[in-house]
């Protein structure tokens, strides 16, 4: 489940779950990446985040509310391997 902007605090670790292309094919898989919140600007409704350990970026409220909290059902399903495209990542056929 997505998080509301008002609940986002510096130091939080959120999950970015979205589909991506697998290799040079039209096949799609679902991936999970961690987003660390560095600072939050409530006035501008933005936050400085570090996505998957990369350089810091500024996310708008729209981008932030698409992220999931660590304990959400969607994250737990993904970590358990029960998601669309999981057979691609695990190598099952």
Protein backbone atom coordinates (compact mmCIF):
# COMPACT_ATOMS: atom_id res chain seq x y z
CA UNK A 1 0.00 0.00 0.00
CA UNK A 2 1.24 3.46 -0.84
CA UNK A 3 2.19 5.92 1.88
CA UNK A 4 0.68 9.36 2.49
CA UNK A 5 3.04 12.33 2.17
CA UNK A 6 2.33 13.50 5.73
CA UNK A 7 3.68 10.23 7.16
CA UNK A 8 7.06 10.42 5.38
CA UNK A 9 9.90 11.33 7.75
CA UNK A 10 13.69 11.66 7.28
CA UNK A 11 15.46 8.36 7.89
CA UNK A 12 12.60 6.20 6.60
CA UNK A 13 13.27 3.37 4.18
CA UNK A 14 10.55 2.92 1.57
CA UNK A 15 10.16 0.37 -1.22
CA UNK A 16 9.82 1.22 -4.90
CA UNK A 17 8.08 -1.67 -6.67
CA UNK A 18 7.51 -1.43 -10.39
CA UNK A 19 7.84 -3.41 -13.60
CA UNK A 20 10.94 -3.28 -15.79
CA UNK A 21 12.05 -4.82 -19.08
CA UNK A 22 14.02 -8.06 -18.93
CA UNK A 23 17.00 -7.96 -21.27
CA UNK A 24 16.44 -7.29 -24.95
CA UNK A 25 12.89 -8.69 -24.96
CA UNK A 26 9.32 -7.54 -24.51
CA UNK A 27 9.05 -9.58 -21.30
CA UNK A 28 8.39 -7.59 -18.11
CA UNK A 29 9.24 -8.49 -14.52
CA UNK A 30 8.49 -6.76 -11.24
CA UNK A 31 11.41 -5.39 -9.26
CA UNK A 32 11.90 -4.01 -5.75
CA UNK A 33 14.33 -1.18 -4.97
CA UNK A 34 14.88 0.58 -1.64
CA UNK A 35 14.52 4.35 -1.29
CA UNK A 36 16.09 6.08 1.74
CA UNK A 37 14.51 9.42 2.72
CA UNK A 38 17.20 12.01 3.51
CA UNK A 39 15.07 15.13 4.14
CA UNK A 40 11.46 16.24 3.70
CA UNK A 41 10.26 19.73 2.68
CA UNK A 42 6.62 19.92 3.78
CA UNK A 43 6.18 23.41 2.29
CA UNK A 44 7.19 22.39 -1.26
CA UNK A 45 5.79 18.85 -0.80
CA UNK A 46 9.10 17.28 -1.91
CA UNK A 47 11.79 15.11 -0.35
CA UNK A 48 15.45 14.42 -1.01
CA UNK A 49 15.92 10.66 -1.35
CA UNK A 50 18.61 8.16 -2.25
CA UNK A 51 17.23 5.45 -4.54
CA UNK A 52 18.92 2.04 -4.32
CA UNK A 53 22.12 3.58 -2.93
CA UNK A 54 22.61 5.97 -5.88
CA UNK A 55 23.08 9.76 -5.73
CA UNK A 56 20.51 11.91 -3.97
CA UNK A 57 17.46 13.04 -5.94
CA UNK A 58 14.46 15.25 -5.23
CA UNK A 59 11.12 13.42 -5.44
CA UNK A 60 7.80 15.20 -5.76
CA UNK A 61 4.75 14.27 -3.70
CA UNK A 62 3.40 12.22 -6.61
CA UNK A 63 6.57 10.11 -6.82
CA UNK A 64 6.71 9.68 -3.05
CA UNK A 65 3.13 8.51 -2.64
CA UNK A 66 3.77 5.65 -5.09
CA UNK A 67 6.31 4.14 -2.69
CA UNK A 68 5.42 1.44 -0.16
CA UNK A 69 6.31 1.10 3.49
CA UNK A 70 8.62 -1.76 4.44
CA UNK A 71 5.91 -3.74 6.26
CA UNK A 72 3.27 -3.50 3.52
CA UNK A 73 1.64 -6.58 2.02
CA UNK A 74 3.05 -5.78 -1.43
CA UNK A 75 6.65 -5.71 -0.13
CA UNK A 76 6.19 -8.92 1.86
CA UNK A 77 4.71 -10.66 -1.20
CA UNK A 78 7.63 -9.51 -3.33
CA UNK A 79 10.27 -10.63 -0.84
CA UNK A 80 8.58 -14.03 -0.61
CA UNK A 81 8.75 -14.38 -4.41
CA UNK A 82 4.98 -14.37 -4.87
CA UNK A 83 4.58 -11.72 -7.56
CA UNK A 84 4.01 -11.41 -11.29
CA UNK A 85 7.19 -12.29 -13.18
CA UNK A 86 8.85 -14.02 -10.22
CA UNK A 87 9.50 -17.11 -12.33
CA UNK A 88 11.76 -14.97 -14.54
CA UNK A 89 13.89 -13.74 -11.69
CA UNK A 90 14.16 -17.13 -10.00
CA UNK A 91 14.76 -19.06 -13.22
CA UNK A 92 11.69 -21.30 -12.93
CA UNK A 93 9.76 -22.36 -16.00
